[in-house]
PDB file of N, CA and C in Angstrom:
ATOM      1  N   MET A   1     -13.051 -30.269  10.552  1.00  0.00           N
ATOM      2  CA  MET A   1     -12.548 -30.215   9.095  1.00  0.00           C
ATOM      3  C   MET A   1     -11.292 -31.244   8.946  1.00  0.00           C
ATOM      4  N   ALA A   2     -11.406 -32.192   8.140  1.00  0.00           N
ATOM      5  CA  ALA A   2     -10.365 -33.052   7.658  1.00  0.00           C
ATOM      6  C   ALA A   2      -9.886 -32.635   6.439  1.00  0.00           C
ATOM      7  N   LYS A   3      -8.449 -32.604   6.158  1.00  0.00           N
ATOM      8  CA  LYS A   3      -8.042 -32.202   4.822  1.00  0.00           C
ATOM      9  C   LYS A   3      -6.752 -33.049   4.509  1.00  0.00           C
ATOM     10  N   THR A   4      -6.804 -33.632   3.381  1.00  0.00           N
ATOM     11  CA  THR A   4      -5.599 -34.448   2.944  1.00  0.00           C
ATOM     12  C   THR A   4      -4.371 -33.418   2.773  1.00  0.00           C
ATOM     13  N   ILE A   5      -3.319 -33.937   3.267  1.00  0.00           N
ATOM     14  CA  ILE A   5      -2.022 -33.302   3.268  1.00  0.00           C
ATOM     15  C   ILE A   5      -1.185 -34.215   2.297  1.00  0.00           C
ATOM     16  N   THR A   6      -0.529 -33.570   1.183  1.00  0.00           N
ATOM     17  CA  THR A   6       0.294 -34.502   0.183  1.00  0.00           C
ATOM     18  C   THR A   6       1.732 -33.986   0.396  1.00  0.00           C
ATOM     19  N   SER A   7       2.554 -34.777  -0.041  1.00  0.00           N
ATOM     20  CA  SER A   7       3.893 -34.478  -0.120  1.00  0.00           C
ATOM     21  C   SER A   7       4.424 -34.915  -1.458  1.00  0.00           C
ATOM     22  N   SER A   8       5.379 -33.957  -2.097  1.00  0.00           N
ATOM     23  CA  SER A   8       5.964 -34.304  -3.090  1.00  0.00           C
ATOM     24  C   SER A   8       7.336 -35.224  -3.079  1.00  0.00           C
ATOM     25  N   GLN A   9       7.629 -35.417  -1.703  1.00  0.00           N
ATOM     26  CA  GLN A   9       8.757 -36.386  -1.467  1.00  0.00           C
ATOM     27  C   GLN A   9       8.004 -37.830  -1.330  1.00  0.00           C
ATOM     28  N   VAL A  10       8.654 -38.749  -1.885  1.00  0.00           N
ATOM     29  CA  VAL A  10       8.413 -40.309  -1.786  1.00  0.00           C
ATOM     30  C   VAL A  10       9.368 -40.897  -0.754  1.00  0.00           C
ATOM     31  N   ARG A  11       8.572 -41.625   0.145  1.00  0.00           N
ATOM     32  CA  ARG A  11       9.344 -42.489   1.022  1.00  0.00           C
ATOM     33  C   ARG A  11       9.220 -43.884   0.600  1.00  0.00           C
ATOM     34  N   THR A  12      10.279 -44.664   0.586  1.00  0.00           N
ATOM     35  CA  THR A  12      10.242 -46.085   0.189  1.00  0.00           C
ATOM     36  C   THR A  12      10.833 -46.911   1.297  1.00  0.00           C
ATOM     37  N   ASP A  13      11.416 -46.367   2.275  1.00  0.00           N
ATOM     38  CA  ASP A  13      12.047 -47.225   3.422  1.00  0.00           C
ATOM     39  C   ASP A  13      10.919 -47.158   4.519  1.00  0.00           C
ATOM     40  N   ALA A  14      10.455 -48.414   4.778  1.00  0.00           N
ATOM     41  CA  ALA A  14       9.319 -48.347   5.711  1.00  0.00           C
ATOM     42  C   ALA A  14       9.954 -48.481   7.071  1.00  0.00           C
ATOM     43  N   ILE A  15      11.181 -48.625   7.313  1.00  0.00           N
ATOM     44  CA  ILE A  15      11.772 -48.629   8.630  1.00  0.00           C
ATOM     45  C   ILE A  15      12.186 -47.106   9.193  1.00  0.00           C
ATOM     46  N   THR A  16      13.167 -46.661   8.170  1.00  0.00           N
ATOM     47  CA  THR A  16      13.739 -45.146   8.630  1.00  0.00           C
ATOM     48  C   THR A  16      12.852 -44.077   7.904  1.00  0.00           C
ATOM     49  N   LEU A  17      12.212 -43.254   8.752  1.00  0.00           N
ATOM     50  CA  LEU A  17      11.578 -42.205   8.154  1.00  0.00           C
ATOM     51  C   LEU A  17      12.245 -41.042   7.881  1.00  0.00           C
ATOM     52  N   PHE A  18      13.330 -40.596   8.483  1.00  0.00           N
ATOM     53  CA  PHE A  18      14.253 -39.664   8.188  1.00  0.00           C
ATOM     54  C   PHE A  18      15.708 -40.091   8.527  1.00  0.00           C
ATOM     55  N   THR A  19      16.596 -39.648   7.697  1.00  0.00           N
ATOM     56  CA  THR A  19      17.916 -39.987   8.038  1.00  0.00           C
ATOM     57  C   THR A  19      18.666 -38.781   8.637  1.00  0.00           C
ATOM     58  N   SER A  20      18.241 -37.649   8.479  1.00  0.00           N
ATOM     59  CA  SER A  20      18.766 -36.427   8.793  1.00  0.00           C
ATOM     60  C   SER A  20      17.839 -35.212   9.008  1.00  0.00           C
ATOM     61  N   LEU A  21      18.335 -34.273   9.628  1.00  0.00           N
ATOM     62  CA  LEU A  21      17.465 -33.032   9.765  1.00  0.00           C
ATOM     63  C   LEU A  21      17.170 -32.414   8.268  1.00  0.00           C
ATOM     64  N   GLU A  22      18.258 -32.515   7.552  1.00  0.00           N
ATOM     65  CA  GLU A  22      17.945 -32.016   6.158  1.00  0.00           C
ATOM     66  C   GLU A  22      16.974 -32.833   5.341  1.00  0.00           C
ATOM     67  N   ASP A  23      16.981 -34.170   5.402  1.00  0.00           N
ATOM     68  CA  ASP A  23      16.048 -34.980   5.002  1.00  0.00           C
ATOM     69  C   ASP A  23      14.646 -34.640   5.335  1.00  0.00           C
ATOM     70  N   PHE A  24      14.502 -34.383   6.699  1.00  0.00           N
ATOM     71  CA  PHE A  24      13.173 -34.013   7.329  1.00  0.00           C
ATOM     72  C   PHE A  24      12.740 -32.695   6.546  1.00  0.00           C
ATOM     73  N   ASN A  25      13.773 -31.746   6.646  1.00  0.00           N
ATOM     74  CA  ASN A  25      13.376 -30.460   6.109  1.00  0.00           C
ATOM     75  C   ASN A  25      13.024 -30.599   4.545  1.00  0.00           C
ATOM     76  N   THR A  26      13.509 -31.321   3.876  1.00  0.00           N
ATOM     77  CA  THR A  26      13.111 -31.556   2.333  1.00  0.00           C
ATOM     78  C   THR A  26      11.677 -32.089   2.448  1.00  0.00           C
ATOM     79  N   TRP A  27      11.495 -32.972   3.175  1.00  0.00           N
ATOM     80  CA  TRP A  27      10.195 -33.571   3.236  1.00  0.00           C
ATOM     81  C   TRP A  27       9.050 -32.626   3.687  1.00  0.00           C
ATOM     82  N   GLN A  28       9.329 -31.889   4.695  1.00  0.00           N
ATOM     83  CA  GLN A  28       8.460 -30.805   5.140  1.00  0.00           C
ATOM     84  C   GLN A  28       8.114 -29.687   4.057  1.00  0.00           C
ATOM     85  N   GLY A  29       9.312 -29.352   3.559  1.00  0.00           N
ATOM     86  CA  GLY A  29       9.082 -28.175   2.325  1.00  0.00           C
ATOM     87  C   GLY A  29       8.203 -28.852   1.227  1.00  0.00           C
ATOM     88  N   GLY A  30       7.865 -30.055   1.077  1.00  0.00           N
ATOM     89  CA  GLY A  30       7.255 -30.568   0.094  1.00  0.00           C
ATOM     90  C   GLY A  30       5.823 -30.737   0.317  1.00  0.00           C
ATOM     91  N   LEU A  31       5.310 -30.494   1.607  1.00  0.00           N
ATOM     92  CA  LEU A  31       4.058 -30.708   2.066  1.00  0.00           C
ATOM     93  C   LEU A  31       3.012 -29.823   1.387  1.00  0.00           C
ATOM     94  N   SER A  32       2.054 -30.024   1.180  1.00  0.00           N
ATOM     95  CA  SER A  32       1.083 -29.214   0.514  1.00  0.00           C
ATOM     96  C   SER A  32      -0.284 -29.490   0.828  1.00  0.00           C
ATOM     97  N   VAL A  33      -1.206 -28.480   0.973  1.00  0.00           N
ATOM     98  CA  VAL A  33      -2.732 -28.741   1.132  1.00  0.00           C
ATOM     99  C   VAL A  33      -3.488 -28.083   0.090  1.00  0.00           C
ATOM    100  N   ALA A  34      -4.371 -28.477  -0.444  1.00  0.00           N
ATOM    101  CA  ALA A  34      -5.156 -27.864  -1.685  1.00  0.00           C
ATOM    102  C   ALA A  34      -5.738 -26.700  -1.027  1.00  0.00           C
ATOM    103  N   SER A  35      -5.857 -25.697  -2.105  1.00  0.00           N
ATOM    104  CA  SER A  35      -6.733 -24.521  -1.743  1.00  0.00           C
ATOM    105  C   SER A  35      -8.174 -24.791  -1.841  1.00  0.00           C
ATOM    106  N   ALA A  36      -8.945 -24.042  -1.048  1.00  0.00           N
ATOM    107  CA  ALA A  36     -10.418 -23.986  -0.795  1.00  0.00           C
ATOM    108  C   ALA A  36     -11.006 -23.651  -2.297  1.00  0.00           C
ATOM    109  N   THR A  37     -12.251 -24.111  -2.512  1.00  0.00           N
ATOM    110  CA  THR A  37     -12.831 -23.830  -3.538  1.00  0.00           C
ATOM    111  C   THR A  37     -14.475 -23.511  -3.287  1.00  0.00           C
ATOM    112  N   GLU A  38     -15.238 -23.242  -3.945  1.00  0.00           N
ATOM    113  CA  GLU A  38     -16.499 -23.073  -3.602  1.00  0.00           C
ATOM    114  C   GLU A  38     -17.218 -24.285  -3.235  1.00  0.00           C
ATOM    115  N   SER A  39     -16.799 -25.347  -3.533  1.00  0.00           N
ATOM    116  CA  SER A  39     -17.363 -26.601  -3.173  1.00  0.00           C
ATOM    117  C   SER A  39     -16.409 -27.573  -2.379  1.00  0.00           C
ATOM    118  N   ALA A  40     -15.188 -27.470  -2.054  1.00  0.00           N
ATOM    119  CA  ALA A  40     -14.409 -28.018  -1.376  1.00  0.00           C
ATOM    120  C   ALA A  40     -13.539 -27.328  -0.279  1.00  0.00           C
ATOM    121  N   GLU A  41     -13.490 -27.978   1.064  1.00  0.00           N
ATOM    122  CA  GLU A  41     -12.713 -27.276   1.909  1.00  0.00           C
ATOM    123  C   GLU A  41     -11.350 -27.217   1.634  1.00  0.00           C
ATOM    124  N   GLY A  42     -10.554 -26.213   2.156  1.00  0.00           N
ATOM    125  CA  GLY A  42      -9.016 -26.235   1.901  1.00  0.00           C
ATOM    126  C   GLY A  42      -8.482 -25.004   2.648  1.00  0.00           C
ATOM    127  N   VAL A  43      -7.491 -24.483   2.170  1.00  0.00           N
ATOM    128  CA  VAL A  43      -6.600 -23.565   2.711  1.00  0.00           C
ATOM    129  C   VAL A  43      -7.013 -22.256   2.204  1.00  0.00           C
ATOM    130  N   VAL A  44      -7.093 -21.179   2.950  1.00  0.00           N
ATOM    131  CA  VAL A  44      -7.357 -19.736   2.414  1.00  0.00           C
ATOM    132  C   VAL A  44      -6.127 -18.965   3.138  1.00  0.00           C
ATOM    133  N   SER A  45      -5.834 -17.870   2.497  1.00  0.00           N
ATOM    134  CA  SER A  45      -4.985 -17.009   3.079  1.00  0.00           C
ATOM    135  C   SER A  45      -5.571 -15.880   4.011  1.00  0.00           C
ATOM    136  N   LYS A  46      -4.863 -15.433   5.073  1.00  0.00           N
ATOM    137  CA  LYS A  46      -5.217 -14.386   5.965  1.00  0.00           C
ATOM    138  C   LYS A  46      -5.462 -13.071   5.190  1.00  0.00           C
ATOM    139  N   GLY A  47      -6.689 -12.583   5.407  1.00  0.00           N
ATOM    140  CA  GLY A  47      -7.104 -11.342   4.728  1.00  0.00           C
ATOM    141  C   GLY A  47      -6.515 -10.081   5.357  1.00  0.00           C
ATOM    142  N   VAL A  48      -6.391  -9.077   4.807  1.00  0.00           N
ATOM    143  CA  VAL A  48      -5.681  -7.739   5.340  1.00  0.00           C
ATOM    144  C   VAL A  48      -6.717  -7.190   6.205  1.00  0.00           C
ATOM    145  N   ALA A  49      -6.274  -6.511   7.327  1.00  0.00           N
ATOM    146  CA  ALA A  49      -7.075  -5.920   8.141  1.00  0.00           C
ATOM    147  C   ALA A  49      -7.931  -4.597   7.504  1.00  0.00           C
ATOM    148  N   VAL A  50      -9.347  -4.850   8.004  1.00  0.00           N
ATOM    149  CA  VAL A  50     -10.241  -3.504   7.688  1.00  0.00           C
ATOM    150  C   VAL A  50     -10.523  -2.956   8.719  1.00  0.00           C
ATOM    151  N   ALA A  51     -10.542  -1.632   8.835  1.00  0.00           N
ATOM    152  CA  ALA A  51     -10.860  -0.630  10.009  1.00  0.00           C
ATOM    153  C   ALA A  51     -12.406  -0.801  10.245  1.00  0.00           C
ATOM    154  N   ASN A  52     -12.721  -0.584  11.496  1.00  0.00           N
ATOM    155  CA  ASN A  52     -14.169  -0.605  11.871  1.00  0.00           C
ATOM    156  C   ASN A  52     -14.692   0.622  11.125  1.00  0.00           C
ATOM    157  N   VAL A  53     -16.008   0.723  11.118  1.00  0.00           N
ATOM    158  CA  VAL A  53     -16.791   1.689  10.391  1.00  0.00           C
ATOM    159  C   VAL A  53     -16.562   3.030  11.256  1.00  0.00           C
ATOM    160  N   SER A  54     -16.344   4.062  10.640  1.00  0.00           N
ATOM    161  CA  SER A  54     -16.213   5.252  11.478  1.00  0.00           C
ATOM    162  C   SER A  54     -17.209   6.213  11.132  1.00  0.00           C
ATOM    163  N   GLY A  55     -17.848   6.979  12.113  1.00  0.00           N
ATOM    164  CA  GLY A  55     -19.065   7.945  11.828  1.00  0.00           C
ATOM    165  C   GLY A  55     -20.294   7.079  11.688  1.00  0.00           C
ATOM    166  N   SER A  56     -21.283   7.680  11.211  1.00  0.00           N
ATOM    167  CA  SER A  56     -22.635   7.049  11.342  1.00  0.00           C
ATOM    168  C   SER A  56     -23.302   7.156   9.787  1.00  0.00           C
ATOM    169  N   SER A  57     -22.546   7.653   8.769  1.00  0.00           N
ATOM    170  CA  SER A  57     -23.125   7.782   7.422  1.00  0.00           C
ATOM    171  C   SER A  57     -23.172   6.494   6.822  1.00  0.00           C
ATOM    172  N   ALA A  58     -24.202   6.359   6.018  1.00  0.00           N
ATOM    173  CA  ALA A  58     -24.401   5.250   5.044  1.00  0.00           C
ATOM    174  C   ALA A  58     -22.976   5.066   4.225  1.00  0.00           C
ATOM    175  N   ALA A  59     -22.373   6.169   3.779  1.00  0.00           N
ATOM    176  CA  ALA A  59     -21.206   6.094   2.931  1.00  0.00           C
ATOM    177  C   ALA A  59     -20.179   5.655   3.631  1.00  0.00           C
ATOM    178  N   ASN A  60     -19.973   5.946   4.955  1.00  0.00           N
ATOM    179  CA  ASN A  60     -18.607   5.276   5.551  1.00  0.00           C
ATOM    180  C   ASN A  60     -19.010   3.670   5.801  1.00  0.00           C
ATOM    181  N   ALA A  61     -20.182   3.351   6.062  1.00  0.00           N
ATOM    182  CA  ALA A  61     -20.648   2.012   6.078  1.00  0.00           C
ATOM    183  C   ALA A  61     -20.438   1.222   4.808  1.00  0.00           C
ATOM    184  N   ILE A  62     -20.812   1.836   3.599  1.00  0.00           N
ATOM    185  CA  ILE A  62     -20.541   1.254   2.246  1.00  0.00           C
ATOM    186  C   ILE A  62     -19.101   1.095   2.132  1.00  0.00           C
ATOM    187  N   THR A  63     -18.239   2.039   2.320  1.00  0.00           N
ATOM    188  CA  THR A  63     -16.864   2.090   2.061  1.00  0.00           C
ATOM    189  C   THR A  63     -16.223   0.882   2.810  1.00  0.00           C
ATOM    190  N   THR A  64     -16.622   0.733   4.169  1.00  0.00           N
ATOM    191  CA  THR A  64     -16.173  -0.382   5.042  1.00  0.00           C
ATOM    192  C   THR A  64     -16.379  -1.659   4.440  1.00  0.00           C
ATOM    193  N   ILE A  65     -17.584  -1.790   4.036  1.00  0.00           N
ATOM    194  CA  ILE A  65     -18.105  -3.085   3.693  1.00  0.00           C
ATOM    195  C   ILE A  65     -17.469  -3.473   2.267  1.00  0.00           C
ATOM    196  N   ASP A  66     -17.145  -2.586   1.401  1.00  0.00           N
ATOM    197  CA  ASP A  66     -16.617  -2.823   0.235  1.00  0.00           C
ATOM    198  C   ASP A  66     -15.103  -3.152   0.364  1.00  0.00           C
ATOM    199  N   ALA A  67     -14.408  -2.501   1.431  1.00  0.00           N
ATOM    200  CA  ALA A  67     -13.189  -2.911   1.848  1.00  0.00           C
ATOM    201  C   ALA A  67     -12.984  -4.258   2.341  1.00  0.00           C
ATOM    202  N   LEU A  68     -13.900  -4.754   3.036  1.00  0.00           N
ATOM    203  CA  LEU A  68     -13.899  -5.963   3.668  1.00  0.00           C
ATOM    204  C   LEU A  68     -14.261  -7.118   2.561  1.00  0.00           C
ATOM    205  N   LEU A  69     -15.178  -6.778   1.793  1.00  0.00           N
ATOM    206  CA  LEU A  69     -15.246  -7.843   0.670  1.00  0.00           C
ATOM    207  C   LEU A  69     -14.108  -7.884  -0.251  1.00  0.00           C
ATOM    208  N   ALA A  70     -13.384  -6.785  -0.504  1.00  0.00           N
ATOM    209  CA  ALA A  70     -12.183  -6.775  -1.245  1.00  0.00           C
ATOM    210  C   ALA A  70     -11.134  -7.558  -0.546  1.00  0.00           C
ATOM    211  N   SER A  71     -10.966  -7.487   0.822  1.00  0.00           N
ATOM    212  CA  SER A  71      -9.964  -8.286   1.542  1.00  0.00           C
ATOM    213  C   SER A  71     -10.465  -9.792   1.630  1.00  0.00           C
ATOM    214  N   LEU A  72     -11.564 -10.061   1.642  1.00  0.00           N
ATOM    215  CA  LEU A  72     -12.102 -11.531   1.652  1.00  0.00           C
ATOM    216  C   LEU A  72     -11.943 -12.127   0.266  1.00  0.00           C
ATOM    217  N   ARG A  73     -12.098 -11.392  -0.877  1.00  0.00           N
ATOM    218  CA  ARG A  73     -11.744 -11.798  -2.273  1.00  0.00           C
ATOM    219  C   ARG A  73     -10.382 -12.035  -2.574  1.00  0.00           C
ATOM    220  N   THR A  74      -9.535 -11.109  -2.026  1.00  0.00           N
ATOM    221  CA  THR A  74      -8.042 -11.114  -2.322  1.00  0.00           C
ATOM    222  C   THR A  74      -7.541 -12.498  -1.647  1.00  0.00           C
ATOM    223  N   ALA A  75      -7.933 -12.651  -0.271  1.00  0.00           N
ATOM    224  CA  ALA A  75      -7.651 -13.919   0.493  1.00  0.00           C
ATOM    225  C   ALA A  75      -8.055 -15.222  -0.002  1.00  0.00           C
ATOM    226  N   GLY A  76      -9.082 -15.229  -0.884  1.00  0.00           N
ATOM    227  CA  GLY A  76      -9.689 -16.552  -1.425  1.00  0.00           C
ATOM    228  C   GLY A  76     -10.800 -16.949  -0.683  1.00  0.00           C
ATOM    229  N   VAL A  77     -11.254 -16.183   0.403  1.00  0.00           N
ATOM    230  CA  VAL A  77     -12.526 -16.682   1.012  1.00  0.00           C
ATOM    231  C   VAL A  77     -13.708 -16.652   0.378  1.00  0.00           C
ATOM    232  N   ILE A  78     -13.899 -15.551  -0.512  1.00  0.00           N
ATOM    233  CA  ILE A  78     -15.064 -15.601  -1.294  1.00  0.00           C
ATOM    234  C   ILE A  78     -14.581 -15.246  -2.745  1.00  0.00           C
ATOM    235  N   THR A  79     -15.549 -15.555  -3.665  1.00  0.00           N
ATOM    236  CA  THR A  79     -15.207 -15.236  -5.122  1.00  0.00           C
ATOM    237  C   THR A  79     -15.895 -14.028  -5.538  1.00  0.00           C
ATOM    238  N   THR A  80     -15.502 -13.499  -6.677  1.00  0.00           N
ATOM    239  CA  THR A  80     -15.973 -12.371  -7.277  1.00  0.00           C
ATOM    240  C   THR A  80     -17.069 -12.704  -8.074  1.00  0.00           C
ATOM    241  N   PRO A  81     -18.251 -11.967  -7.790  1.00  0.00           N
ATOM    242  CA  PRO A  81     -19.515 -12.140  -8.547  1.00  0.00           C
ATOM    243  C   PRO A  81     -19.592 -12.056  -9.914  1.00  0.00           C
TER     244      PRO A  81
END
């Protein structure tokens, strides 16, 4: 996967990339990668941990699956139907 990284900082000097550590840190702070959408690759957040299914009942499995889906939605991995 390749994704375009953009910067809010503009460089006009073709010879000197950074004049100081502060200059570099300002540039680095301005970097961004687009968020993922249903049709475009991008960055998503890490989801919260979901415990493994405990017990063997269908209710426990449903509860765990619902928690997993909620975690994925909150992280932006999947959308809400």
